[in-house]
Amino acid sequence: MNWDVACLTGPENEDWRVPVSELQNRQRLVADSLLRNNIESAWIDDPVELYWLTGGRQNSAIIIGARGSDVKTSHWVRKSLDRAIFEAGGDDAPHTIEAHPRMNILEGSLRSLGCTKKPALLSSKIPHDRWEFLNSKFGNLLGEIENCSNLIYKLRETKSEWEISMHKASGDINQLMFDSIRDNCGEGKTEIELAAIADEVSRANGFGGRIRMRKWPMDCDRVVIAAGNSAAVPSYFDSAIGGLGASPISSLGAGFARIKANEPVLVDIVHIHRGYVSDCTRMFSKGRLAEHWIERLEDMSEISELVVDKLGKGEMCSSAWESGKDMADEMGHLENLMGMKPNQAQFLGHSVGLELDETPVVARGFDCELNIRGTMAIEPKVIHKDGAIGIEDTWTRTNDGMECLTMGNKFPKVTEW
């Protein structure tokens, strides 16, 4: 090898690899779930799931066998084999790591691992052409290809204690971004200048430049800043706030509107720490906001508290949505909750993890509870033609209720410059 794996560190030479024990447990969970669903094996080649299962996102696929099957869990790598070995724990890696076989011998290679049936695929994620190509290369293996996407998604809804610690670390950095906006911004600055100030903090603390989303064709800017009437501008994004964006190809987030006195400035920040999302919203203004804005913010805080309480008690996410929506209606906000018609978003919270838009969601149809150690951003907001206001923190459910993973009461709901 003509390069040094010792280069692959976090800040101050910290080892930022996923612990081997995490990889072992995740692979065991998948193997057990495959058994329960009568699936012999799964072929995983999506970058997010690869990171979750192998500790990296190399150009590769991992084949995992069901518990009790004869299938040997193996990580087949095109680029970079050396890096994949290091990222999975080197000699302690919990799975075999080897060069990816040629596709014209794929059926035989799978049989050599113990496969007798076609592996399940992440059919909800991979392009159809990719699915068809793999199906053709599985050759005469038995059966039809199963879709294992939801199987993996459900497993990832419950985080390990290590993953919760990553969310907390992400939340700490998220607050540093808000601290910097508080200390370095004010009247006359553009939204995109504020975003750059936050981005500098995030990058310096390890943000890698990607926010991953599950829903096609969604992509996301990590700092949404909406000053005054910018908040009323709709966008493609399935959220309450779109913002101006920098250009038509980047039509989400901060734009070139300038901060004006006594207008609400909504700042919605995502940070990713070693893959894990934290999502927060706070309000800023140059000078004091008018009383009706303060009252709206207090109402959103009440709705947030209601939703958090219900989730913490194990109530269904759909029930928490209905309760929050009913409270907004009683307060007179229904026409402006999470947007203005016809562009209202129909949720009050979304699960987060390695992706921004995980499940479950505080929305109609999610007749399930947030699992213990589930992680969710709760974000009630109201949007009017002259601005928007709201609050957001990221939470996890514990045996005793909900625990805030981000700023909570450590940072005020509204800050005056």
Protein backbone atom coordinates (compact mmCIF):
# COMPACT_ATOMS: atom_id res chain seq x y z
CA MET A 1 0.00 0.00 0.00
CA ASN A 2 1.48 3.35 -1.07
CA TRP A 3 -0.50 5.58 1.28
CA ASP A 4 -0.84 5.90 5.05
CA VAL A 5 -4.10 4.91 6.75
CA ALA A 6 -2.96 7.01 9.73
CA CYS A 7 -4.15 10.02 7.70
CA LEU A 8 -7.76 8.91 8.20
CA THR A 9 -8.51 10.69 11.46
CA GLY A 10 -10.83 13.28 12.86
CA PRO A 11 -9.64 16.51 14.52
CA GLU A 12 -6.58 16.23 16.77
CA ASN A 13 -6.00 12.71 15.39
CA GLU A 14 -9.21 11.37 16.94
CA ASP A 15 -10.34 7.96 15.72
CA TRP A 16 -13.68 8.71 14.08
CA ARG A 17 -14.38 5.18 12.90
CA VAL A 18 -17.64 3.51 13.86
CA PRO A 19 -16.93 1.10 16.75
CA VAL A 20 -16.67 -2.52 15.66
CA SER A 21 -19.23 -3.46 18.31
CA GLU A 22 -21.74 -1.19 16.54
CA LEU A 23 -21.15 -2.91 13.20
CA GLN A 24 -21.45 -6.33 14.80
CA ASN A 25 -24.76 -5.47 16.45
CA ARG A 26 -26.25 -3.91 13.30
CA GLN A 27 -25.33 -6.90 11.17
CA ARG A 28 -26.87 -9.18 13.79
CA LEU A 29 -30.09 -7.12 13.76
CA VAL A 30 -30.29 -7.39 9.98
CA ALA A 31 -29.61 -11.15 10.06
CA ASP A 32 -32.35 -11.67 12.65
CA SER A 33 -34.82 -9.55 10.68
CA LEU A 34 -34.07 -11.43 7.46
CA LEU A 35 -34.86 -14.67 9.28
CA ARG A 36 -38.16 -13.29 10.60
CA ASN A 37 -39.11 -12.21 7.08
CA ASN A 38 -38.08 -15.52 5.48
CA ILE A 39 -35.39 -13.86 3.34
CA GLU A 40 -32.17 -15.80 2.81
CA SER A 41 -29.86 -12.82 2.22
CA ALA A 42 -29.71 -9.12 1.39
CA TRP A 43 -27.47 -7.20 -1.03
CA ILE A 44 -26.81 -3.69 0.37
CA ASP A 45 -25.10 -1.11 -1.83
CA ASP A 46 -26.67 2.25 -0.87
CA PRO A 47 -24.11 4.68 0.66
CA VAL A 48 -26.11 5.34 3.85
CA GLU A 49 -26.80 1.70 4.60
CA LEU A 50 -23.22 0.79 3.67
CA TYR A 51 -21.93 3.26 6.26
CA TRP A 52 -24.37 1.92 8.84
CA LEU A 53 -23.28 -1.67 8.26
CA THR A 54 -19.60 -1.47 7.24
CA GLY A 55 -18.36 1.79 8.78
CA GLY A 56 -17.65 3.40 5.40
CA ARG A 57 -19.18 4.27 2.05
CA GLN A 58 -16.79 2.74 -0.42
CA ASN A 59 -17.87 1.66 -3.91
CA SER A 60 -19.03 -1.73 -2.77
CA ALA A 61 -21.81 -4.06 -1.65
CA ILE A 62 -22.25 -6.06 1.53
CA ILE A 63 -24.10 -9.36 1.39
CA ILE A 64 -25.67 -10.34 4.70
CA GLY A 65 -27.17 -13.74 5.33
CA ALA A 66 -30.17 -14.47 7.52
CA ARG A 67 -29.42 -15.89 10.94
CA GLY A 68 -29.12 -19.65 10.65
CA SER A 69 -28.55 -19.56 6.90
CA ASP A 70 -25.37 -20.80 5.24
CA VAL A 71 -24.70 -17.37 3.72
CA LYS A 72 -21.39 -15.84 4.79
CA THR A 73 -21.59 -12.10 5.38
CA SER A 74 -19.08 -10.50 3.01
CA HIS A 75 -18.18 -6.98 1.92
CA TRP A 76 -17.23 -6.85 -1.77
CA VAL A 77 -15.29 -3.68 -2.59
CA ARG A 78 -14.29 -2.04 -5.87
CA LYS A 79 -12.71 1.13 -4.43
CA SER A 80 -11.02 1.37 -2.01
CA LEU A 81 -10.39 -2.08 -0.59
CA ASP A 82 -7.63 -0.88 1.75
CA ARG A 83 -9.80 1.94 3.06
CA ALA A 84 -12.79 -0.39 3.54
CA ILE A 85 -10.65 -2.72 5.66
CA PHE A 86 -9.41 0.14 7.83
CA GLU A 87 -12.84 1.74 8.26
CA ALA A 88 -14.41 -1.57 9.33
CA GLY A 89 -11.85 -2.03 12.11
CA GLY A 90 -8.88 -3.62 10.34
CA ASP A 91 -8.12 -7.07 11.71
CA ASP A 92 -11.11 -6.72 14.07
CA ALA A 93 -13.63 -6.17 11.26
CA PRO A 94 -16.75 -8.29 11.88
CA HIS A 95 -17.10 -9.42 8.26
CA THR A 96 -15.00 -10.66 5.38
CA ILE A 97 -13.72 -7.86 3.13
CA GLU A 98 -12.46 -8.69 -0.35
CA ALA A 99 -12.32 -7.43 -3.90
CA HIS A 100 -15.65 -7.23 -5.72
CA PRO A 101 -15.99 -10.14 -8.17
CA ARG A 102 -16.50 -9.49 -11.87
CA MET A 103 -20.18 -9.15 -12.69
CA ASN A 104 -20.04 -11.90 -15.33
CA ILE A 105 -19.32 -14.42 -12.55
CA LEU A 106 -21.62 -12.88 -9.93
CA GLU A 107 -23.99 -15.84 -9.68
CA GLY A 108 -21.12 -18.22 -8.95
CA SER A 109 -19.60 -15.79 -6.47
CA LEU A 110 -22.90 -15.55 -4.58
CA ARG A 111 -23.21 -19.32 -4.56
CA SER A 112 -19.70 -19.53 -3.09
CA LEU A 113 -20.97 -17.42 -0.17
CA GLY A 114 -23.80 -19.91 0.37
CA CYS A 115 -26.61 -18.15 -1.52
CA THR A 116 -29.21 -20.39 -3.12
CA LYS A 117 -31.82 -17.65 -3.66
CA LYS A 118 -31.62 -14.18 -5.17
CA PRO A 119 -30.61 -11.66 -2.48
CA ALA A 120 -33.11 -9.03 -1.44
CA LEU A 121 -32.35 -5.50 -2.67
CA LEU A 122 -33.00 -1.96 -1.47
CA SER A 123 -35.59 -1.69 -4.22
CA SER A 124 -37.12 1.52 -2.83
CA LYS A 125 -33.77 3.30 -3.17
CA ILE A 126 -31.80 2.00 -6.12
CA PRO A 127 -32.57 3.06 -9.73
CA HIS A 128 -34.70 0.65 -11.72
CA ASP A 129 -31.92 0.12 -14.26
CA ARG A 130 -29.62 -0.97 -11.43
CA TRP A 131 -32.27 -3.36 -10.12
CA GLU A 132 -32.71 -4.90 -13.57
CA PHE A 133 -28.96 -5.21 -14.07
CA LEU A 134 -28.43 -7.01 -10.76
CA ASN A 135 -31.40 -9.26 -11.39
CA SER A 136 -29.87 -10.30 -14.69
CA LYS A 137 -26.56 -11.08 -13.00
CA PHE A 138 -28.15 -13.14 -10.22
CA GLY A 139 -28.71 -15.69 -12.97
CA ASN A 140 -30.36 -18.95 -11.97
CA LEU A 141 -30.49 -18.33 -8.25
CA LEU A 142 -33.95 -19.29 -6.99
CA GLY A 143 -36.92 -17.08 -6.28
CA GLU A 144 -37.82 -13.45 -6.94
CA ILE A 145 -36.00 -10.43 -5.55
CA GLU A 146 -37.52 -9.20 -2.29
CA ASN A 147 -37.49 -5.52 -1.26
CA CYS A 148 -35.58 -5.14 2.02
CA SER A 149 -35.75 -1.32 2.17
CA ASN A 150 -38.41 -1.10 4.88
CA LEU A 151 -36.71 -3.86 6.84
CA ILE A 152 -33.57 -1.71 7.10
CA TYR A 153 -35.50 1.52 7.68
CA LYS A 154 -37.36 -0.01 10.64
CA LEU A 155 -34.14 -1.24 12.23
CA ARG A 156 -32.58 2.21 11.90
CA GLU A 157 -35.54 3.89 13.63
CA THR A 158 -34.12 2.77 16.99
CA LYS A 159 -30.70 4.24 17.72
CA SER A 160 -27.97 2.70 19.85
CA GLU A 161 -26.53 4.57 22.80
CA TRP A 162 -23.47 5.35 20.68
CA GLU A 163 -25.68 6.81 17.96
CA ILE A 164 -27.51 8.94 20.54
CA SER A 165 -24.12 10.26 21.67
CA MET A 166 -23.37 11.24 18.05
CA HIS A 167 -26.66 13.14 17.86
CA LYS A 168 -25.79 14.94 21.10
CA ALA A 169 -22.36 15.90 19.79
CA SER A 170 -24.04 17.13 16.63
CA GLY A 171 -26.39 19.23 18.76
CA ASP A 172 -23.47 20.81 20.62
CA ILE A 173 -21.91 21.93 17.34
CA ASN A 174 -25.30 23.11 16.12
CA GLN A 175 -25.43 25.50 19.09
CA LEU A 176 -21.99 26.85 18.22
CA MET A 177 -23.38 27.77 14.81
CA PHE A 178 -26.21 29.71 16.45
CA ASP A 179 -23.73 31.35 18.83
CA SER A 180 -21.74 32.59 15.84
CA ILE A 181 -24.84 33.99 14.12
CA ARG A 182 -25.77 35.76 17.35
CA ASP A 183 -22.31 37.29 17.73
CA ASN A 184 -21.47 38.19 14.13
CA CYS A 185 -24.68 39.22 12.39
CA GLY A 186 -27.16 42.04 12.32
CA GLU A 187 -28.94 44.61 10.22
CA GLY A 188 -27.79 44.89 6.60
CA LYS A 189 -26.29 41.40 6.39
CA THR A 190 -27.72 39.13 3.71
CA GLU A 191 -29.26 35.79 4.53
CA ILE A 192 -26.51 34.01 2.64
CA GLU A 193 -23.83 35.85 4.65
CA LEU A 194 -25.45 34.50 7.81
CA ALA A 195 -25.43 31.02 6.31
CA ALA A 196 -21.71 31.35 5.52
CA ILE A 197 -20.96 32.33 9.13
CA ALA A 198 -22.78 29.22 10.39
CA ASP A 199 -21.21 27.04 7.72
CA GLU A 200 -17.69 28.05 8.72
CA VAL A 201 -18.31 26.77 12.24
CA SER A 202 -19.87 23.55 11.00
CA ARG A 203 -17.07 22.83 8.53
CA ALA A 204 -14.38 23.51 11.12
CA ASN A 205 -16.04 20.92 13.37
CA GLY A 206 -16.19 18.16 10.79
CA PHE A 207 -19.23 18.65 8.54
CA GLY A 208 -18.49 16.72 5.35
CA GLY A 209 -20.69 18.66 2.94
CA ARG A 210 -23.62 16.27 2.41
CA ILE A 211 -27.08 16.10 3.95
CA ARG A 212 -28.59 12.82 2.93
CA MET A 213 -32.29 12.43 2.24
CA ARG A 214 -34.32 9.31 1.60
CA LYS A 215 -37.18 10.73 -0.44
CA TRP A 216 -36.46 11.12 -4.14
CA PRO A 217 -35.77 13.72 -5.58
CA MET A 218 -35.28 15.75 -2.40
CA ASP A 219 -32.01 17.47 -1.58
CA CYS A 220 -31.37 19.94 1.19
CA ASP A 221 -29.43 23.05 2.07
CA ARG A 222 -28.17 22.80 5.63
CA VAL A 223 -28.91 26.44 6.67
CA VAL A 224 -32.34 27.86 5.87
CA ILE A 225 -32.53 31.56 6.72
CA ALA A 226 -35.68 33.53 5.99
CA ALA A 227 -35.67 37.26 6.74
CA GLY A 228 -39.04 38.99 6.74
CA ASN A 229 -41.16 38.21 3.71
CA SER A 230 -38.57 35.74 2.33
CA ALA A 231 -40.32 33.16 4.49
CA ALA A 232 -43.47 33.34 2.37
CA VAL A 233 -41.68 32.32 -0.84
CA PRO A 234 -42.58 28.69 -1.70
CA SER A 235 -40.07 26.11 -2.88
CA TYR A 236 -39.89 22.48 -3.96
CA PHE A 237 -38.95 21.37 -0.47
CA ASP A 238 -41.44 19.42 1.63
CA SER A 239 -41.22 21.68 4.65
CA ALA A 240 -42.83 24.75 6.18
CA ILE A 241 -40.09 27.12 5.02
CA GLY A 242 -38.44 27.15 1.63
CA GLY A 243 -36.70 30.50 1.55
CA LEU A 244 -35.29 32.30 -1.45
CA GLY A 245 -32.29 30.11 -2.15
CA ALA A 246 -29.20 31.34 -3.94
CA SER A 247 -30.46 30.66 -7.49
CA PRO A 248 -33.14 28.68 -9.35
CA ILE A 249 -31.03 25.50 -9.16
CA SER A 250 -30.53 26.08 -5.42
CA SER A 251 -34.03 27.27 -4.63
CA LEU A 252 -34.00 26.44 -0.94
CA GLY A 253 -32.48 28.21 2.03
CA ALA A 254 -30.65 31.50 2.30
CA GLY A 255 -30.78 34.08 -0.47
CA PHE A 256 -29.73 37.69 -0.94
CA ALA A 257 -32.43 39.41 1.12
CA ARG A 258 -30.97 41.70 3.80
CA ILE A 259 -31.79 41.84 7.49
CA LYS A 260 -34.07 44.77 8.32
CA ALA A 261 -35.00 46.24 11.67
CA ASN A 262 -37.90 44.69 13.61
CA GLU A 263 -38.51 41.88 11.13
CA PRO A 264 -38.49 38.19 12.14
CA VAL A 265 -35.44 36.29 10.94
CA LEU A 266 -36.00 32.53 11.06
CA VAL A 267 -32.81 30.45 11.22
CA ASP A 268 -33.15 26.69 10.68
CA ILE A 269 -29.82 24.86 10.92
CA VAL A 270 -28.84 21.26 10.25
CA HIS A 271 -25.47 19.93 11.33
CA ILE A 272 -24.12 16.45 10.59
CA HIS A 273 -21.62 14.93 13.01
CA ARG A 274 -20.02 11.71 11.79
CA GLY A 275 -23.19 11.12 9.79
CA TYR A 276 -25.76 12.01 12.46
CA VAL A 277 -28.27 14.85 12.11
CA SER A 278 -29.16 17.62 14.52
CA ASP A 279 -31.89 20.06 13.43
CA CYS A 280 -32.74 23.33 15.23
CA THR A 281 -34.69 26.52 14.60
CA ARG A 282 -34.48 29.81 16.50
CA MET A 283 -35.62 33.35 15.83
CA PHE A 284 -33.54 36.54 15.54
CA SER A 285 -34.36 40.20 14.98
CA LYS A 286 -32.69 43.59 14.81
CA GLY A 287 -34.56 45.32 17.60
CA ARG A 288 -37.67 44.02 19.29
CA LEU A 289 -40.30 42.16 17.34
CA ALA A 290 -43.89 43.31 17.37
CA GLU A 291 -46.02 41.72 20.07
CA HIS A 292 -48.05 39.63 17.61
CA TRP A 293 -44.86 37.86 16.52
CA ILE A 294 -43.92 37.14 20.14
CA GLU A 295 -47.39 35.74 20.78
CA ARG A 296 -47.15 33.50 17.73
CA LEU A 297 -43.80 32.19 18.92
CA GLU A 298 -45.21 31.37 22.34
CA ASP A 299 -48.08 29.52 20.66
CA MET A 300 -45.63 27.45 18.61
CA SER A 301 -43.70 26.67 21.79
CA GLU A 302 -46.91 25.39 23.40
CA ILE A 303 -47.63 23.17 20.41
CA SER A 304 -44.06 21.85 20.52
CA GLU A 305 -44.42 21.03 24.22
CA LEU A 306 -47.71 19.25 23.55
CA VAL A 307 -46.25 17.10 20.77
CA VAL A 308 -43.14 16.29 22.78
CA ASP A 309 -45.25 15.28 25.78
CA LYS A 310 -47.49 12.99 23.77
CA LEU A 311 -44.58 11.28 22.02
CA GLY A 312 -42.83 10.83 25.36
CA LYS A 313 -45.91 9.04 26.71
CA GLY A 314 -45.91 6.62 23.80
CA GLU A 315 -48.89 8.03 21.94
CA MET A 316 -49.07 7.46 18.20
CA CYS A 317 -47.36 9.95 15.94
CA SER A 318 -50.61 10.46 14.02
CA SER A 319 -52.39 11.29 17.29
CA ALA A 320 -49.69 13.83 18.19
CA TRP A 321 -50.21 15.44 14.76
CA GLU A 322 -53.97 15.71 15.25
CA SER A 323 -53.55 17.15 18.75
CA GLY A 324 -51.01 19.70 17.58
CA LYS A 325 -53.15 20.67 14.58
CA ASP A 326 -56.24 21.01 16.79
CA MET A 327 -54.33 23.27 19.19
CA ALA A 328 -53.16 25.41 16.27
CA ASP A 329 -56.79 25.65 15.11
CA GLU A 330 -57.93 26.78 18.57
CA MET A 331 -55.19 29.42 18.57
CA GLY A 332 -56.26 30.68 15.14
CA HIS A 333 -53.18 29.43 13.24
CA LEU A 334 -54.57 26.60 11.13
CA GLU A 335 -54.44 28.56 7.86
CA ASN A 336 -50.77 29.37 8.44
CA LEU A 337 -49.49 26.26 10.21
CA MET A 338 -46.39 24.88 8.44
CA GLY A 339 -46.97 27.13 5.44
CA MET A 340 -49.69 29.05 3.63
CA LYS A 341 -52.21 27.43 1.31
CA PRO A 342 -51.71 25.77 -1.10
CA ASN A 343 -48.15 25.12 0.10
CA GLN A 344 -48.69 23.87 3.64
CA ALA A 345 -46.58 20.94 4.86
CA GLN A 346 -48.64 18.32 6.67
CA PHE A 347 -46.38 17.39 9.58
CA LEU A 348 -45.06 18.76 12.86
CA GLY A 349 -41.99 16.59 13.30
CA HIS A 350 -39.73 14.23 11.35
CA SER A 351 -37.38 11.51 12.51
CA VAL A 352 -33.67 12.02 11.91
CA GLY A 353 -30.62 9.81 11.89
CA LEU A 354 -28.16 9.32 9.06
CA GLU A 355 -30.82 10.92 6.87
CA LEU A 356 -32.87 14.06 7.47
CA ASP A 357 -36.22 12.54 6.53
CA GLU A 358 -36.43 9.27 8.43
CA THR A 359 -39.52 7.60 9.87
CA PRO A 360 -41.80 7.86 11.73
CA VAL A 361 -43.23 11.36 11.13
CA VAL A 362 -45.66 13.40 13.23
CA ALA A 363 -48.27 13.29 10.51
CA ARG A 364 -51.47 11.62 9.45
CA GLY A 365 -51.05 7.93 8.67
CA PHE A 366 -48.17 7.22 11.06
CA ASP A 367 -50.19 5.09 13.47
CA CYS A 368 -47.16 4.10 15.50
CA GLU A 369 -45.25 5.43 18.46
CA LEU A 370 -41.77 6.90 18.43
CA ASN A 371 -39.61 4.02 19.63
CA ILE A 372 -37.52 4.22 22.77
CA ARG A 373 -34.24 5.70 21.44
CA GLY A 374 -36.01 7.04 18.38
CA THR A 375 -34.76 10.49 17.36
CA MET A 376 -37.03 13.21 16.03
CA ALA A 377 -36.98 16.94 15.22
CA ILE A 378 -40.16 18.71 16.38
CA GLU A 379 -40.74 21.97 14.46
CA PRO A 380 -44.09 23.82 14.62
CA LYS A 381 -43.98 27.03 12.58
CA VAL A 382 -46.45 29.59 11.21
CA ILE A 383 -45.90 31.44 7.96
CA HIS A 384 -47.44 34.76 6.94
CA LYS A 385 -46.87 36.96 3.92
CA ASP A 386 -44.60 39.24 5.96
CA GLY A 387 -42.60 36.56 7.76
CA ALA A 388 -42.49 33.33 9.71
CA ILE A 389 -41.84 32.26 13.26
CA GLY A 390 -41.31 28.94 15.00
CA ILE A 391 -39.06 26.73 17.07
CA GLU A 392 -37.33 23.39 16.58
CA ASP A 393 -35.20 21.00 18.59
CA THR A 394 -34.14 17.39 18.12
CA TRP A 395 -35.29 14.87 20.73
CA THR A 396 -34.96 11.24 21.69
CA ARG A 397 -37.48 9.16 23.55
CA THR A 398 -36.28 7.50 26.76
CA ASN A 399 -37.99 5.26 29.30
CA ASP A 400 -38.83 8.42 31.25
CA GLY A 401 -40.10 10.59 28.40
CA MET A 402 -38.36 12.81 25.89
CA GLU A 403 -34.78 14.10 26.17
CA CYS A 404 -33.59 17.10 24.16
CA LEU A 405 -30.47 16.38 22.11
CA THR A 406 -29.94 19.95 20.94
CA MET A 407 -30.09 23.41 22.52
CA GLY A 408 -33.42 23.34 24.33
CA ASN A 409 -33.50 26.04 27.01
CA LYS A 410 -29.77 26.77 26.62
CA PHE A 411 -30.49 29.14 23.74
CA PRO A 412 -33.36 31.66 23.77
CA LYS A 413 -36.35 31.33 21.45
CA VAL A 414 -35.68 34.78 20.04
CA THR A 415 -32.46 36.81 20.09
CA GLU A 416 -32.14 40.54 19.43
CA TRP A 417 -29.04 41.85 17.66
